[in-house]
Structures are given as C-alpha cells and as structure tokens.
Amino acid sequence: MLDQVLNSNALPLLEKMAAFAERRQDVLAGNIANIDTPSYKMRDLPVQEFQQALRDAVVLKENAADPASRSSLAMPVTLSQPKSVEAQLEDLFPRSLFQAREAAPQNLTFQDANNRSVESQVMQMTKNSMMQQFAVEVMMAQMNQLLTVISERA
C-alpha cells in the first residue's frame, strides 16, 4: 500500500492523513492534560476505521486510473449520474472519523474511575507524529516535483 500512497496522484489522501494526524494529536494531548482529572476517560480517534477508509480510497483511485480493471458486469445499473472520484473520496472520510470517542481501556481503571496511562499516550503521540511527518514530507516532495516540472528544470 505504501507505493500507492507515494504515487503522484495521492495528494488528497496525504492531505487526509495529515489532517487526521493533526486532529488525533490534539485528542492525545487532551488525554495527557486530563491525566489527573477524576472520572476522565481517555479518548481517541478511530484509527482502524481511518486506515480502512485509506485502503478503500487507494483501491478507488486505482480503479479510476485503470478503466480496464472495471467490469461492466460488476457495476450496478443506475439511472442517476455516477459520483465523481472526489465525491466518492469524501464519502469514504466522513466527519465521524475525525471525532474523538472514548478509548477502550488498555489497563486497569483506577479508583477515581480514570483509565489513564501516560506511557501509552506518549507512545501513541510519537507514532502519530511520525505518521503526520511522513504525510507532510511526501506532500512536500510531490510539490517539489511539480515545481521542477513547471519551471522546466531537470
């Protein structure tokens, strides 16, 4: 899947990855800020759902780029105008993917009903930061390639 993300037409997907990572970093920082708040429940974004949406988006982009891979028998017959690839991408990434939910407790719940784990939160923040940095670096590389092509330098 990594080679599809590095593809030159993956800018919208990289943008979604960076936005998701930014939102998740805020949620994880909020968890650390409320580490001593009684009855506070750790929150997180639905990472697995986002990753599945990302996989589906890669498949959608591949199918849109290769019309021969689509079978006319497999496509349902509709009378309405088919959605554009961009509209289908937006459907794959609903707002609910960017809204925090209570995280499943990964450790014991404390007597104050808090399910805190500083180590887990810091680890998640580090992994999340790396994902965001990856998305931004690849976007920058693609933009530099576009600038090179536009300025006709080799």
N, C-alpha and C. Protein backbone atom coordinates (compact mmCIF):
# COMPACT_ATOMS: atom_id res chain seq x y z
N MET A 1 0.82 -1.20 0.00
CA MET A 1 0.00 0.00 0.00
C MET A 1 0.86 1.25 0.00
N LEU A 2 2.08 1.16 0.52
CA LEU A 2 2.95 2.33 0.62
C LEU A 2 3.26 2.90 -0.76
N ASP A 3 3.47 2.03 -1.76
CA ASP A 3 3.80 2.54 -3.09
C ASP A 3 2.61 3.28 -3.71
N GLN A 4 1.38 2.89 -3.37
CA GLN A 4 0.22 3.63 -3.87
C GLN A 4 0.12 5.00 -3.23
N VAL A 5 0.47 5.10 -1.96
CA VAL A 5 0.42 6.39 -1.26
C VAL A 5 1.49 7.32 -1.81
N LEU A 6 2.62 6.76 -2.22
CA LEU A 6 3.70 7.57 -2.77
C LEU A 6 3.45 7.97 -4.22
N ASN A 7 2.40 7.46 -4.81
CA ASN A 7 2.05 7.80 -6.18
C ASN A 7 1.76 9.30 -6.29
N SER A 8 2.00 9.86 -7.45
CA SER A 8 1.89 11.31 -7.62
C SER A 8 0.46 11.83 -7.51
N ASN A 9 -0.55 10.99 -7.69
CA ASN A 9 -1.92 11.49 -7.60
C ASN A 9 -2.53 11.23 -6.22
N ALA A 10 -1.68 11.05 -5.23
CA ALA A 10 -2.16 10.73 -3.89
C ALA A 10 -2.24 11.94 -2.98
N LEU A 11 -2.13 13.15 -3.51
CA LEU A 11 -2.17 14.34 -2.66
C LEU A 11 -3.42 14.43 -1.79
N PRO A 12 -4.62 14.14 -2.31
CA PRO A 12 -5.80 14.20 -1.44
C PRO A 12 -5.73 13.22 -0.27
N LEU A 13 -5.17 12.04 -0.51
CA LEU A 13 -5.05 11.05 0.56
C LEU A 13 -4.02 11.48 1.60
N LEU A 14 -2.93 12.05 1.13
CA LEU A 14 -1.91 12.56 2.05
C LEU A 14 -2.46 13.71 2.88
N GLU A 15 -3.30 14.52 2.26
CA GLU A 15 -3.94 15.62 2.99
C GLU A 15 -4.84 15.07 4.10
N LYS A 16 -5.59 14.02 3.79
CA LYS A 16 -6.45 13.39 4.80
C LYS A 16 -5.61 12.80 5.93
N MET A 17 -4.49 12.16 5.59
CA MET A 17 -3.61 11.58 6.61
C MET A 17 -3.08 12.67 7.54
N ALA A 18 -2.63 13.78 6.96
CA ALA A 18 -2.08 14.87 7.77
C ALA A 18 -3.16 15.48 8.66
N ALA A 19 -4.36 15.67 8.12
CA ALA A 19 -5.45 16.25 8.91
C ALA A 19 -5.87 15.31 10.04
N PHE A 20 -5.94 14.01 9.75
CA PHE A 20 -6.29 13.04 10.77
C PHE A 20 -5.24 13.03 11.88
N ALA A 21 -3.97 13.03 11.49
CA ALA A 21 -2.90 13.00 12.49
C ALA A 21 -2.91 14.27 13.34
N GLU A 22 -3.19 15.41 12.72
CA GLU A 22 -3.26 16.65 13.48
C GLU A 22 -4.39 16.61 14.51
N ARG A 23 -5.55 16.15 14.09
CA ARG A 23 -6.70 16.06 14.99
C ARG A 23 -6.42 15.05 16.11
N ARG A 24 -5.80 13.93 15.76
CA ARG A 24 -5.50 12.90 16.76
C ARG A 24 -4.48 13.42 17.77
N GLN A 25 -3.51 14.20 17.31
CA GLN A 25 -2.51 14.75 18.22
C GLN A 25 -3.19 15.64 19.27
N ASP A 26 -4.18 16.42 18.84
CA ASP A 26 -4.93 17.26 19.78
C ASP A 26 -5.66 16.42 20.83
N VAL A 27 -6.28 15.33 20.38
CA VAL A 27 -7.02 14.46 21.29
C VAL A 27 -6.07 13.79 22.29
N LEU A 28 -4.94 13.30 21.80
CA LEU A 28 -3.98 12.64 22.68
C LEU A 28 -3.37 13.64 23.68
N ALA A 29 -3.13 14.85 23.23
CA ALA A 29 -2.61 15.88 24.14
C ALA A 29 -3.65 16.21 25.21
N GLY A 30 -4.93 16.21 24.83
CA GLY A 30 -6.00 16.42 25.80
C GLY A 30 -6.05 15.31 26.84
N ASN A 31 -5.77 14.09 26.41
CA ASN A 31 -5.72 12.97 27.36
C ASN A 31 -4.62 13.18 28.40
N ILE A 32 -3.47 13.62 27.93
CA ILE A 32 -2.37 13.85 28.87
C ILE A 32 -2.68 15.03 29.79
N ALA A 33 -3.31 16.06 29.25
CA ALA A 33 -3.67 17.22 30.07
C ALA A 33 -4.67 16.85 31.17
N ASN A 34 -5.51 15.87 30.92
CA ASN A 34 -6.53 15.46 31.89
C ASN A 34 -6.15 14.20 32.65
N ILE A 35 -4.88 13.91 32.70
CA ILE A 35 -4.42 12.66 33.30
C ILE A 35 -4.82 12.53 34.78
N ASP A 36 -4.91 13.66 35.49
CA ASP A 36 -5.27 13.63 36.91
C ASP A 36 -6.73 13.99 37.17
N THR A 37 -7.51 14.18 36.13
CA THR A 37 -8.92 14.55 36.29
C THR A 37 -9.71 13.31 36.70
N PRO A 38 -10.39 13.36 37.84
CA PRO A 38 -11.19 12.21 38.27
C PRO A 38 -12.29 11.88 37.26
N SER A 39 -12.52 10.63 37.04
CA SER A 39 -13.55 10.11 36.15
C SER A 39 -13.34 10.44 34.67
N TYR A 40 -12.18 10.99 34.32
CA TYR A 40 -11.91 11.27 32.90
C TYR A 40 -11.62 9.97 32.18
N LYS A 41 -12.21 9.79 31.04
CA LYS A 41 -11.98 8.60 30.22
C LYS A 41 -11.14 9.01 29.02
N MET A 42 -10.09 8.28 28.76
CA MET A 42 -9.22 8.55 27.63
C MET A 42 -10.02 8.49 26.34
N ARG A 43 -9.65 9.35 25.41
CA ARG A 43 -10.34 9.41 24.12
C ARG A 43 -9.34 9.20 23.00
N ASP A 44 -9.85 8.81 21.86
CA ASP A 44 -9.00 8.63 20.68
C ASP A 44 -9.88 8.68 19.44
N LEU A 45 -9.24 8.84 18.31
CA LEU A 45 -9.95 8.77 17.04
C LEU A 45 -9.97 7.32 16.58
N PRO A 46 -10.91 6.96 15.72
CA PRO A 46 -11.00 5.57 15.25
C PRO A 46 -9.91 5.26 14.21
N VAL A 47 -8.75 4.86 14.68
CA VAL A 47 -7.58 4.65 13.81
C VAL A 47 -7.83 3.54 12.80
N GLN A 48 -8.38 2.41 13.25
CA GLN A 48 -8.61 1.29 12.33
C GLN A 48 -9.61 1.67 11.24
N GLU A 49 -10.64 2.41 11.60
CA GLU A 49 -11.62 2.84 10.60
C GLU A 49 -10.98 3.78 9.59
N PHE A 50 -10.11 4.67 10.06
CA PHE A 50 -9.43 5.58 9.15
C PHE A 50 -8.51 4.81 8.21
N GLN A 51 -7.78 3.84 8.75
CA GLN A 51 -6.89 3.04 7.90
C GLN A 51 -7.68 2.26 6.85
N GLN A 52 -8.85 1.76 7.22
CA GLN A 52 -9.68 1.05 6.25
C GLN A 52 -10.19 2.01 5.17
N ALA A 53 -10.58 3.21 5.58
CA ALA A 53 -11.02 4.22 4.60
C ALA A 53 -9.88 4.58 3.66
N LEU A 54 -8.67 4.65 4.18
CA LEU A 54 -7.50 4.94 3.37
C LEU A 54 -7.26 3.81 2.36
N ARG A 55 -7.38 2.56 2.81
CA ARG A 55 -7.24 1.42 1.89
C ARG A 55 -8.29 1.48 0.79
N ASP A 56 -9.54 1.74 1.18
CA ASP A 56 -10.62 1.83 0.20
C ASP A 56 -10.38 2.96 -0.79
N ALA A 57 -9.84 4.07 -0.31
CA ALA A 57 -9.56 5.21 -1.19
C ALA A 57 -8.46 4.88 -2.19
N VAL A 58 -7.45 4.12 -1.75
CA VAL A 58 -6.38 3.72 -2.67
C VAL A 58 -6.95 2.82 -3.76
N VAL A 59 -7.80 1.88 -3.39
CA VAL A 59 -8.44 0.99 -4.37
C VAL A 59 -9.31 1.80 -5.32
N LEU A 60 -10.05 2.76 -4.79
CA LEU A 60 -10.90 3.61 -5.62
C LEU A 60 -10.08 4.39 -6.63
N LYS A 61 -8.97 4.96 -6.19
CA LYS A 61 -8.10 5.72 -7.09
C LYS A 61 -7.46 4.81 -8.14
N GLU A 62 -7.08 3.61 -7.74
CA GLU A 62 -6.51 2.66 -8.71
C GLU A 62 -7.53 2.30 -9.77
N ASN A 63 -8.77 2.04 -9.35
CA ASN A 63 -9.82 1.67 -10.30
C ASN A 63 -10.16 2.84 -11.22
N ALA A 64 -10.12 4.05 -10.69
CA ALA A 64 -10.41 5.23 -11.50
C ALA A 64 -9.30 5.46 -12.52
N ALA A 65 -8.07 5.14 -12.16
CA ALA A 65 -6.93 5.34 -13.06
C ALA A 65 -6.86 4.25 -14.13
N ASP A 66 -7.42 3.08 -13.86
CA ASP A 66 -7.35 1.96 -14.79
C ASP A 66 -8.76 1.51 -15.15
N PRO A 67 -9.37 2.13 -16.17
CA PRO A 67 -10.75 1.77 -16.53
C PRO A 67 -10.89 0.33 -17.00
N ALA A 68 -9.81 -0.30 -17.47
CA ALA A 68 -9.90 -1.69 -17.93
C ALA A 68 -10.13 -2.65 -16.79
N SER A 69 -9.79 -2.21 -15.55
CA SER A 69 -9.96 -3.11 -14.40
C SER A 69 -11.41 -3.20 -13.96
N ARG A 70 -12.22 -2.26 -14.43
CA ARG A 70 -13.64 -2.28 -14.05
C ARG A 70 -14.42 -3.16 -15.01
N SER A 71 -15.20 -4.02 -14.49
CA SER A 71 -16.04 -4.89 -15.31
C SER A 71 -17.43 -4.31 -15.42
N SER A 72 -17.96 -4.26 -16.61
CA SER A 72 -19.30 -3.71 -16.79
C SER A 72 -20.35 -4.60 -16.13
N LEU A 73 -20.05 -5.89 -15.96
CA LEU A 73 -20.99 -6.78 -15.30
C LEU A 73 -21.01 -6.56 -13.79
N ALA A 74 -19.89 -6.13 -13.25
CA ALA A 74 -19.81 -5.95 -11.81
C ALA A 74 -20.41 -4.64 -11.35
N MET A 75 -20.56 -3.69 -12.27
CA MET A 75 -21.07 -2.38 -11.90
C MET A 75 -22.60 -2.39 -11.89
N PRO A 76 -23.22 -1.87 -10.85
CA PRO A 76 -24.68 -1.84 -10.81
C PRO A 76 -25.23 -0.84 -11.83
N VAL A 77 -26.39 -1.13 -12.32
CA VAL A 77 -27.04 -0.24 -13.28
C VAL A 77 -27.82 0.81 -12.50
N THR A 78 -27.51 2.07 -12.75
CA THR A 78 -28.21 3.16 -12.09
C THR A 78 -28.65 4.17 -13.13
N LEU A 79 -29.73 4.84 -12.85
CA LEU A 79 -30.22 5.87 -13.75
C LEU A 79 -29.68 7.24 -13.38
N SER A 80 -29.14 7.37 -12.20
CA SER A 80 -28.62 8.66 -11.76
C SER A 80 -27.19 8.85 -12.25
N GLN A 81 -26.75 10.09 -12.19
CA GLN A 81 -25.38 10.43 -12.59
C GLN A 81 -24.39 9.80 -11.61
N PRO A 82 -23.37 9.08 -12.09
CA PRO A 82 -22.40 8.49 -11.16
C PRO A 82 -21.59 9.59 -10.47
N LYS A 83 -21.18 9.30 -9.24
CA LYS A 83 -20.40 10.26 -8.46
C LYS A 83 -18.99 10.35 -9.00
N SER A 84 -18.41 11.53 -8.89
CA SER A 84 -17.01 11.70 -9.28
C SER A 84 -16.12 11.01 -8.25
N VAL A 85 -14.88 10.80 -8.61
CA VAL A 85 -13.93 10.15 -7.71
C VAL A 85 -13.75 11.01 -6.46
N GLU A 86 -13.70 12.34 -6.64
CA GLU A 86 -13.53 13.24 -5.49
C GLU A 86 -14.71 13.12 -4.52
N ALA A 87 -15.93 13.04 -5.06
CA ALA A 87 -17.11 12.90 -4.20
C ALA A 87 -17.11 11.56 -3.48
N GLN A 88 -16.67 10.51 -4.16
CA GLN A 88 -16.59 9.20 -3.53
C GLN A 88 -15.52 9.20 -2.43
N LEU A 89 -14.42 9.93 -2.65
CA LEU A 89 -13.39 10.04 -1.63
C LEU A 89 -13.93 10.74 -0.39
N GLU A 90 -14.69 11.79 -0.59
CA GLU A 90 -15.28 12.50 0.55
C GLU A 90 -16.23 11.59 1.34
N ASP A 91 -16.94 10.72 0.63
CA ASP A 91 -17.84 9.78 1.31
C ASP A 91 -17.06 8.77 2.16
N LEU A 92 -15.84 8.43 1.73
CA LEU A 92 -15.03 7.47 2.48
C LEU A 92 -14.50 8.05 3.78
N PHE A 93 -14.40 9.38 3.86
CA PHE A 93 -13.83 10.04 5.04
C PHE A 93 -14.87 10.96 5.68
N PRO A 94 -15.89 10.37 6.32
CA PRO A 94 -16.92 11.22 6.96
C PRO A 94 -16.35 11.94 8.19
N ARG A 95 -17.07 12.93 8.64
CA ARG A 95 -16.66 13.71 9.81
C ARG A 95 -16.48 12.84 11.05
N SER A 96 -17.24 11.75 11.13
CA SER A 96 -17.16 10.89 12.32
C SER A 96 -15.77 10.29 12.51
N LEU A 97 -14.98 10.18 11.43
CA LEU A 97 -13.61 9.67 11.56
C LEU A 97 -12.71 10.67 12.28
N PHE A 98 -13.11 11.93 12.30
CA PHE A 98 -12.29 12.97 12.90
C PHE A 98 -12.84 13.42 14.26
N GLN A 99 -13.80 12.66 14.80
CA GLN A 99 -14.36 12.99 16.11
C GLN A 99 -13.89 11.98 17.14
N ALA A 100 -13.48 12.50 18.28
CA ALA A 100 -12.93 11.65 19.34
C ALA A 100 -14.02 10.79 19.97
N ARG A 101 -13.62 9.59 20.31
CA ARG A 101 -14.50 8.65 21.01
C ARG A 101 -13.78 8.16 22.26
N GLU A 102 -14.54 7.66 23.19
CA GLU A 102 -13.91 7.10 24.39
C GLU A 102 -13.11 5.87 23.98
N ALA A 103 -11.86 5.86 24.39
CA ALA A 103 -10.97 4.75 24.04
C ALA A 103 -11.24 3.56 24.96
N ALA A 104 -11.09 2.39 24.41
CA ALA A 104 -11.23 1.18 25.23
C ALA A 104 -10.09 1.15 26.23
N PRO A 105 -10.39 0.84 27.49
CA PRO A 105 -9.32 0.82 28.48
C PRO A 105 -8.30 -0.26 28.15
N GLN A 106 -7.03 0.13 28.19
CA GLN A 106 -5.96 -0.81 27.89
C GLN A 106 -5.26 -1.27 29.16
N ASN A 107 -5.71 -0.76 30.27
CA ASN A 107 -5.10 -1.13 31.55
C ASN A 107 -6.20 -1.10 32.61
N LEU A 108 -5.80 -1.19 33.84
CA LEU A 108 -6.77 -1.15 34.93
C LEU A 108 -7.38 0.23 35.07
N THR A 109 -8.62 0.25 35.49
CA THR A 109 -9.26 1.53 35.81
C THR A 109 -8.93 1.84 37.26
N PHE A 110 -8.55 3.08 37.49
CA PHE A 110 -8.14 3.48 38.84
C PHE A 110 -9.37 3.74 39.71
N GLN A 111 -9.14 3.93 41.00
CA GLN A 111 -10.24 4.14 41.93
C GLN A 111 -11.04 5.41 41.62
N ASP A 112 -10.42 6.38 40.97
CA ASP A 112 -11.15 7.59 40.61
C ASP A 112 -11.87 7.44 39.26
N ALA A 113 -11.97 6.23 38.75
CA ALA A 113 -12.67 5.87 37.51
C ALA A 113 -11.95 6.40 36.27
N ASN A 114 -10.70 6.75 36.38
CA ASN A 114 -9.90 7.20 35.26
C ASN A 114 -9.16 6.00 34.69
N ASN A 115 -9.06 5.92 33.38
CA ASN A 115 -8.35 4.80 32.75
C ASN A 115 -7.04 5.29 32.13
N ARG A 116 -6.28 6.05 32.88
CA ARG A 116 -5.09 6.72 32.38
C ARG A 116 -3.90 5.78 32.18
N SER A 117 -3.06 6.21 31.24
CA SER A 117 -1.79 5.55 31.01
C SER A 117 -0.90 6.54 30.26
N VAL A 118 -0.04 7.21 30.99
CA VAL A 118 0.82 8.22 30.40
C VAL A 118 1.74 7.59 29.35
N GLU A 119 2.30 6.45 29.67
CA GLU A 119 3.22 5.79 28.75
C GLU A 119 2.54 5.46 27.43
N SER A 120 1.34 4.93 27.51
CA SER A 120 0.59 4.60 26.30
C SER A 120 0.29 5.85 25.47
N GLN A 121 -0.10 6.92 26.13
CA GLN A 121 -0.43 8.15 25.42
C GLN A 121 0.79 8.76 24.74
N VAL A 122 1.91 8.75 25.42
CA VAL A 122 3.14 9.30 24.83
C VAL A 122 3.58 8.44 23.64
N MET A 123 3.46 7.13 23.76
CA MET A 123 3.80 6.24 22.66
C MET A 123 2.88 6.51 21.46
N GLN A 124 1.58 6.64 21.72
CA GLN A 124 0.63 6.93 20.64
C GLN A 124 0.93 8.28 19.99
N MET A 125 1.28 9.27 20.80
CA MET A 125 1.61 10.59 20.25
C MET A 125 2.85 10.52 19.36
N THR A 126 3.83 9.72 19.76
CA THR A 126 5.05 9.58 18.97
C THR A 126 4.76 8.91 17.63
N LYS A 127 4.01 7.82 17.65
CA LYS A 127 3.64 7.13 16.41
C LYS A 127 2.81 8.04 15.51
N ASN A 128 1.88 8.77 16.11
CA ASN A 128 1.03 9.67 15.36
C ASN A 128 1.85 10.80 14.73
N SER A 129 2.79 11.33 15.48
CA SER A 129 3.65 12.39 14.97
C SER A 129 4.47 11.90 13.77
N MET A 130 4.93 10.68 13.84
CA MET A 130 5.69 10.11 12.73
C MET A 130 4.81 9.95 11.49
N MET A 131 3.56 9.54 11.68
CA MET A 131 2.65 9.41 10.55
C MET A 131 2.40 10.78 9.90
N GLN A 132 2.19 11.79 10.74
CA GLN A 132 1.95 13.13 10.20
C GLN A 132 3.19 13.65 9.47
N GLN A 133 4.35 13.44 10.05
CA GLN A 133 5.59 13.88 9.42
C GLN A 133 5.78 13.18 8.07
N PHE A 134 5.47 11.90 8.00
CA PHE A 134 5.56 11.15 6.74
C PHE A 134 4.66 11.78 5.69
N ALA A 135 3.40 12.04 6.04
CA ALA A 135 2.45 12.60 5.08
C ALA A 135 2.92 13.97 4.59
N VAL A 136 3.39 14.80 5.49
CA VAL A 136 3.84 16.15 5.11
C VAL A 136 5.09 16.08 4.24
N GLU A 137 6.03 15.20 4.58
CA GLU A 137 7.26 15.07 3.80
C GLU A 137 6.95 14.59 2.37
N VAL A 138 6.06 13.63 2.23
CA VAL A 138 5.72 13.13 0.90
C VAL A 138 4.99 14.21 0.11
N MET A 139 4.10 14.96 0.76
CA MET A 139 3.43 16.07 0.06
C MET A 139 4.45 17.10 -0.40
N MET A 140 5.41 17.43 0.44
CA MET A 140 6.44 18.40 0.06
C MET A 140 7.26 17.88 -1.12
N ALA A 141 7.59 16.60 -1.12
CA ALA A 141 8.36 16.03 -2.23
C ALA A 141 7.57 16.09 -3.53
N GLN A 142 6.27 15.80 -3.45
CA GLN A 142 5.44 15.87 -4.65
C GLN A 142 5.29 17.31 -5.14
N MET A 143 5.18 18.24 -4.22
CA MET A 143 5.10 19.65 -4.62
C MET A 143 6.40 20.10 -5.26
N ASN A 144 7.51 19.65 -4.72
CA ASN A 144 8.82 19.99 -5.33
C ASN A 144 8.94 19.40 -6.74
N GLN A 145 8.41 18.20 -6.94
CA GLN A 145 8.40 17.61 -8.27
C GLN A 145 7.57 18.45 -9.23
N LEU A 146 6.41 18.90 -8.77
CA LEU A 146 5.56 19.74 -9.60
C LEU A 146 6.26 21.07 -9.93
N LEU A 147 6.92 21.65 -8.95
CA LEU A 147 7.65 22.90 -9.19
C LEU A 147 8.76 22.70 -10.20
N THR A 148 9.44 21.57 -10.12
CA THR A 148 10.50 21.26 -11.07
C THR A 148 9.94 21.14 -12.48
N VAL A 149 8.82 20.45 -12.61
CA VAL A 149 8.19 20.28 -13.93
C VAL A 149 7.71 21.63 -14.47
N ILE A 150 7.11 22.43 -13.61
CA ILE A 150 6.60 23.73 -14.05
C ILE A 150 7.74 24.65 -14.49
N SER A 151 8.82 24.63 -13.74
CA SER A 151 9.95 25.52 -14.08
C SER A 151 10.84 24.91 -15.16
N GLU A 152 10.51 23.73 -15.63
CA GLU A 152 11.21 23.03 -16.72
C GLU A 152 12.67 22.77 -16.39
N ARG A 153 12.95 22.46 -15.14
CA ARG A 153 14.31 22.07 -14.75
C ARG A 153 14.38 20.57 -14.67
N ALA A 154 15.54 20.03 -14.87
CA ALA A 154 15.70 18.58 -14.78
C ALA A 154 16.62 18.19 -13.67
